Amino acid sequence: MSKPIIGILGAGMKTMDDKSAFGTVESYKNAIVDLGGIPIMLMTTQSGNVGDMKASDAPKLTHDNYEDMVRQVNLCDGILLPGGNRIYPYDTDVVRYCLEIDKPILGICLGMQNLACVDTSRNVRDITEDIPSDEYSDEYIAHGDASQRYVHSIKINKNTLLYKFVEKEEIEVNSRHVHRVKNQLDDAIVSATAPDGTIEAIEFPNKKFAVGVQFHPESLYKYDENMKNIIKAFIYASAINNI
């Protein structure tokens, strides 16, 4: 079985000298390489500096833009949706197309929210909500605490792909997000939740592999078998898709 090509959806960003750039965090690339995939980066097929735009100001893809995106995605055996700060029309079009053709897709943090946004056909601002920030509440979890290796546990529902990957009903995860997905999904199902009810994983049971996780397995896979198994399962599904 040949190594699958994994497309990492890039994002607009700023350099240290405030120039517009387009790229991704290297931990995603490293995880793919270490666990048996070949990474390439998907770049928006529109001209313009995405890093300078608000998501609401970004133009929709033209017919030609969309056809160019399709050619990019078709070069890949699987698509990884990384974390980030904004979801643009190009991002949602990539997800929608992958779901239409049943191409393996793994969403991480904002990538999971992208999956949820496409599933419900609602704007991303309507599918997420602020996480309660009252640290004196009995249910308070410091979801955005990037300084901690593990922040909280999650409960995994049986009869889900996520449970099949880790074979555990409860695992520890990290956390870097300040918004969470509302429990208003259509075709997707919730496969894991945090103790405060925050949705920590979703998946599409009618697809070969369409999974989103709110945590960051690419930061933990080197020493956490659960995180390693999640990414390995995605790369394996992508390799099967390549046959």
Protein backbone atom coordinates (compact mmCIF):
# COMPACT_ATOMS: atom_id res chain seq x y z
CA MET A 1 0.00 0.00 0.00
CA SER A 2 1.54 3.32 -1.06
CA LYS A 3 1.72 6.32 1.24
CA PRO A 4 -1.35 8.54 0.90
CA ILE A 5 -1.07 12.20 -0.07
CA ILE A 6 -2.63 14.32 2.68
CA GLY A 7 -3.66 17.85 1.81
CA ILE A 8 -3.37 20.29 4.71
CA LEU A 9 -5.71 23.24 4.31
CA GLY A 10 -3.52 26.32 4.63
CA ALA A 11 -4.51 29.63 6.17
CA GLY A 12 -3.69 33.29 5.85
CA MET A 13 -1.32 34.62 8.48
CA LYS A 14 1.12 37.41 9.23
CA THR A 15 4.92 37.29 9.33
CA MET A 16 6.90 38.91 12.14
CA ASP A 17 7.34 42.01 9.97
CA ASP A 18 3.56 42.13 9.34
CA LYS A 19 3.62 40.82 5.79
CA SER A 20 0.79 38.66 4.54
CA ALA A 21 1.66 34.96 4.35
CA PHE A 22 -0.12 31.68 3.72
CA GLY A 23 0.84 28.48 5.47
CA THR A 24 0.27 26.05 8.31
CA VAL A 25 1.74 25.05 11.67
CA GLU A 26 4.51 22.50 11.22
CA SER A 27 3.17 20.09 13.83
CA TYR A 28 0.45 19.02 11.37
CA LYS A 29 3.04 18.30 8.70
CA ASN A 30 5.26 16.44 11.16
CA ALA A 31 2.43 14.22 12.37
CA ILE A 32 1.54 13.22 8.81
CA VAL A 33 5.15 12.46 7.91
CA ASP A 34 5.85 10.52 11.10
CA LEU A 35 2.69 8.42 10.81
CA GLY A 36 2.98 7.41 7.18
CA GLY A 37 1.56 10.12 4.94
CA ILE A 38 2.90 12.58 2.38
CA PRO A 39 1.84 16.15 3.21
CA ILE A 40 1.07 18.89 0.72
CA MET A 41 -0.57 22.23 1.42
CA LEU A 42 -3.81 23.41 -0.16
CA MET A 43 -3.80 27.12 -0.94
CA THR A 44 -6.77 29.27 -1.75
CA THR A 45 -7.35 29.49 -5.50
CA GLN A 46 -8.34 33.16 -5.21
CA SER A 47 -6.00 36.08 -5.68
CA GLY A 48 -5.57 38.49 -2.77
CA ASN A 49 -4.03 38.53 0.70
CA VAL A 50 -6.29 36.34 2.80
CA GLY A 51 -4.42 37.23 5.97
CA ASP A 52 -5.59 40.83 5.57
CA MET A 53 -9.28 39.92 5.24
CA LYS A 54 -12.01 39.37 7.74
CA ALA A 55 -13.84 36.12 7.05
CA SER A 56 -17.03 38.09 6.40
CA ASP A 57 -15.26 40.21 3.77
CA ALA A 58 -13.71 37.32 1.82
CA PRO A 59 -15.34 36.82 -1.59
CA LYS A 60 -17.03 33.59 -2.54
CA LEU A 61 -15.34 31.34 -5.08
CA THR A 62 -16.11 31.99 -8.70
CA HIS A 63 -16.84 29.06 -11.00
CA ASP A 64 -13.18 29.02 -12.12
CA ASN A 65 -11.95 29.31 -8.50
CA TYR A 66 -14.12 26.34 -7.57
CA GLU A 67 -12.89 24.20 -10.47
CA ASP A 68 -9.29 24.99 -9.50
CA MET A 69 -10.05 23.99 -5.90
CA VAL A 70 -11.51 20.70 -7.12
CA ARG A 71 -8.32 19.95 -9.06
CA GLN A 72 -6.25 20.65 -5.93
CA VAL A 73 -8.35 18.43 -3.69
CA ASN A 74 -8.35 15.63 -6.28
CA LEU A 75 -4.56 15.46 -6.01
CA CYS A 76 -5.02 14.29 -2.41
CA ASP A 77 -6.13 11.02 -0.84
CA GLY A 78 -7.27 12.70 2.36
CA ILE A 79 -7.72 16.25 3.68
CA LEU A 80 -6.67 17.60 7.08
CA LEU A 81 -8.45 20.71 8.37
CA PRO A 82 -6.17 22.34 10.95
CA GLY A 83 -6.99 24.69 13.77
CA GLY A 84 -6.95 28.45 13.31
CA ASN A 85 -8.94 31.62 13.80
CA ARG A 86 -11.15 32.12 10.74
CA ILE A 87 -13.20 30.07 8.29
CA TYR A 88 -13.31 31.44 4.75
CA PRO A 89 -15.59 30.53 1.82
CA TYR A 90 -12.74 28.52 0.28
CA ASP A 91 -12.48 26.42 3.45
CA THR A 92 -16.16 25.53 3.53
CA ASP A 93 -16.17 24.74 -0.20
CA VAL A 94 -13.29 22.29 0.33
CA VAL A 95 -15.18 20.56 3.14
CA ARG A 96 -18.45 20.47 1.21
CA TYR A 97 -16.73 18.95 -1.83
CA CYS A 98 -14.93 16.32 0.26
CA LEU A 99 -18.20 15.28 1.87
CA GLU A 100 -19.88 15.11 -1.53
CA ILE A 101 -17.26 12.75 -2.98
CA ASP A 102 -16.66 10.91 0.33
CA LYS A 103 -12.96 11.76 0.56
CA PRO A 104 -11.44 11.07 4.02
CA ILE A 105 -11.29 14.24 6.08
CA LEU A 106 -10.05 15.02 9.60
CA GLY A 107 -10.94 18.32 11.24
CA ILE A 108 -8.95 19.59 14.22
CA CYS A 109 -10.24 22.37 16.51
CA LEU A 110 -11.43 25.06 14.06
CA GLY A 111 -11.43 22.28 11.46
CA MET A 112 -14.10 20.47 13.47
CA GLN A 113 -16.13 23.68 13.61
CA ASN A 114 -15.74 23.92 9.82
CA LEU A 115 -17.22 20.43 9.49
CA ALA A 116 -20.10 21.38 11.78
CA CYS A 117 -20.74 24.59 9.85
CA VAL A 118 -21.00 22.72 6.55
CA ASP A 119 -23.16 20.00 8.11
CA THR A 120 -25.79 22.44 9.29
CA SER A 121 -25.59 24.80 6.29
CA ARG A 122 -25.43 27.70 8.73
CA ASN A 123 -22.88 30.45 9.08
CA VAL A 124 -20.00 29.50 11.37
CA ARG A 125 -20.91 32.36 13.71
CA ASP A 126 -24.27 30.69 14.25
CA ILE A 127 -22.94 27.19 14.87
CA THR A 128 -20.56 28.20 17.68
CA GLU A 129 -21.05 29.83 21.04
CA ASP A 130 -18.77 31.30 23.70
CA ILE A 131 -17.58 28.92 26.37
CA PRO A 132 -18.64 30.04 29.88
CA SER A 133 -15.70 31.77 31.55
CA ASP A 134 -16.85 31.69 35.19
CA GLU A 135 -13.91 29.96 36.86
CA TYR A 136 -15.89 29.68 40.10
CA SER A 137 -18.58 27.54 38.47
CA ASP A 138 -18.60 23.84 39.32
CA GLU A 139 -18.58 23.06 35.59
CA TYR A 140 -15.77 25.45 34.67
CA ILE A 141 -13.03 24.04 32.42
CA ALA A 142 -10.13 26.18 31.17
CA HIS A 143 -10.69 25.14 27.56
CA GLY A 144 -8.26 27.67 26.09
CA ASP A 145 -5.33 26.79 28.33
CA ALA A 146 -2.61 26.03 25.79
CA SER A 147 0.06 25.92 28.53
CA GLN A 148 -1.15 22.56 29.87
CA ARG A 149 -0.38 19.23 28.19
CA TYR A 150 -3.77 17.88 29.30
CA VAL A 151 -6.67 20.12 30.30
CA HIS A 152 -9.67 17.82 30.81
CA SER A 153 -11.14 14.43 30.07
CA ILE A 154 -13.70 13.54 27.43
CA LYS A 155 -16.35 10.83 27.38
CA ILE A 156 -16.45 8.89 24.11
CA ASN A 157 -19.66 7.37 22.89
CA LYS A 158 -19.55 3.72 21.90
CA ASN A 159 -20.56 2.71 18.38
CA THR A 160 -18.51 5.58 16.95
CA LEU A 161 -15.36 5.65 14.86
CA LEU A 162 -13.56 7.58 17.60
CA TYR A 163 -14.23 4.77 20.07
CA LYS A 164 -12.98 2.28 17.49
CA PHE A 165 -9.72 4.23 17.16
CA VAL A 166 -8.89 4.45 20.88
CA GLU A 167 -11.01 1.63 22.37
CA LYS A 168 -11.64 3.69 25.50
CA GLU A 169 -14.72 5.43 26.88
CA GLU A 170 -12.68 8.21 28.52
CA ILE A 171 -9.37 9.86 27.62
CA GLU A 172 -7.47 13.03 28.51
CA VAL A 173 -7.10 15.81 25.94
CA ASN A 174 -5.50 19.21 25.48
CA SER A 175 -7.45 22.38 24.69
CA ARG A 176 -6.84 25.66 22.80
CA HIS A 177 -10.27 26.96 21.84
CA VAL A 178 -12.54 29.73 23.10
CA HIS A 179 -15.67 28.78 21.14
CA ARG A 180 -17.56 25.52 20.97
CA VAL A 181 -20.01 23.90 18.58
CA LYS A 182 -23.67 24.08 19.50
CA ASN A 183 -25.51 20.79 19.72
CA GLN A 184 -27.52 21.46 16.57
CA LEU A 185 -26.09 19.02 14.05
CA ASP A 186 -27.89 17.47 11.11
CA ASP A 187 -26.08 14.54 9.46
CA ALA A 188 -23.15 14.51 11.87
CA ILE A 189 -23.31 12.89 15.31
CA VAL A 190 -21.56 13.81 18.56
CA SER A 191 -18.97 11.18 19.40
CA ALA A 192 -17.39 12.78 22.50
CA THR A 193 -18.12 15.47 25.08
CA ALA A 194 -16.28 17.22 27.92
CA PRO A 195 -17.64 17.17 31.50
CA ASP A 196 -19.23 20.60 30.93
CA GLY A 197 -21.09 19.37 27.86
CA THR A 198 -18.76 20.90 25.28
CA ILE A 199 -18.77 18.84 22.08
CA GLU A 200 -15.27 17.41 21.70
CA ALA A 201 -15.71 15.22 18.61
CA ILE A 202 -18.15 14.76 15.77
CA GLU A 203 -18.34 12.36 12.84
CA PHE A 204 -20.48 11.56 9.84
CA PRO A 205 -21.71 7.96 10.14
CA ASN A 206 -22.74 7.87 6.47
CA LYS A 207 -19.19 8.67 5.26
CA LYS A 208 -16.09 6.50 5.08
CA PHE A 209 -14.09 8.87 7.27
CA ALA A 210 -15.30 12.36 8.18
CA VAL A 211 -14.24 13.06 11.76
CA GLY A 212 -13.69 16.25 13.74
CA VAL A 213 -12.02 16.68 17.12
CA GLN A 214 -11.94 19.85 19.20
CA PHE A 215 -8.56 19.00 20.72
CA HIS A 216 -5.11 18.79 19.09
CA PRO A 217 -3.80 15.24 18.55
CA GLU A 218 -0.94 16.56 16.40
CA SER A 219 0.59 18.04 19.57
CA LEU A 220 0.36 14.81 21.61
CA TYR A 221 0.87 11.90 19.19
CA LYS A 222 4.56 11.38 20.00
CA TYR A 223 3.80 10.17 23.54
CA ASP A 224 0.04 9.59 23.62
CA GLU A 225 -1.18 6.39 21.93
CA ASN A 226 -4.77 7.65 21.80
CA MET A 227 -3.78 10.71 19.78
CA LYS A 228 -1.43 8.67 17.62
CA ASN A 229 -4.20 6.20 16.82
CA ILE A 230 -6.59 8.96 15.74
CA ILE A 231 -4.15 10.35 13.18
CA LYS A 232 -3.05 6.87 12.08
CA ALA A 233 -6.67 5.89 11.46
CA PHE A 234 -7.11 8.96 9.24
CA ILE A 235 -3.94 8.24 7.28
CA TYR A 236 -4.95 4.58 6.87
CA ALA A 237 -8.41 5.60 5.62
CA SER A 238 -6.72 7.93 3.14
CA ALA A 239 -4.39 5.14 1.99
CA ILE A 240 -7.36 2.82 1.42
CA ASN A 241 -9.00 5.61 -0.56
CA ASN A 242 -5.90 5.63 -2.78
CA ILE A 243 -6.26 1.97 -3.87
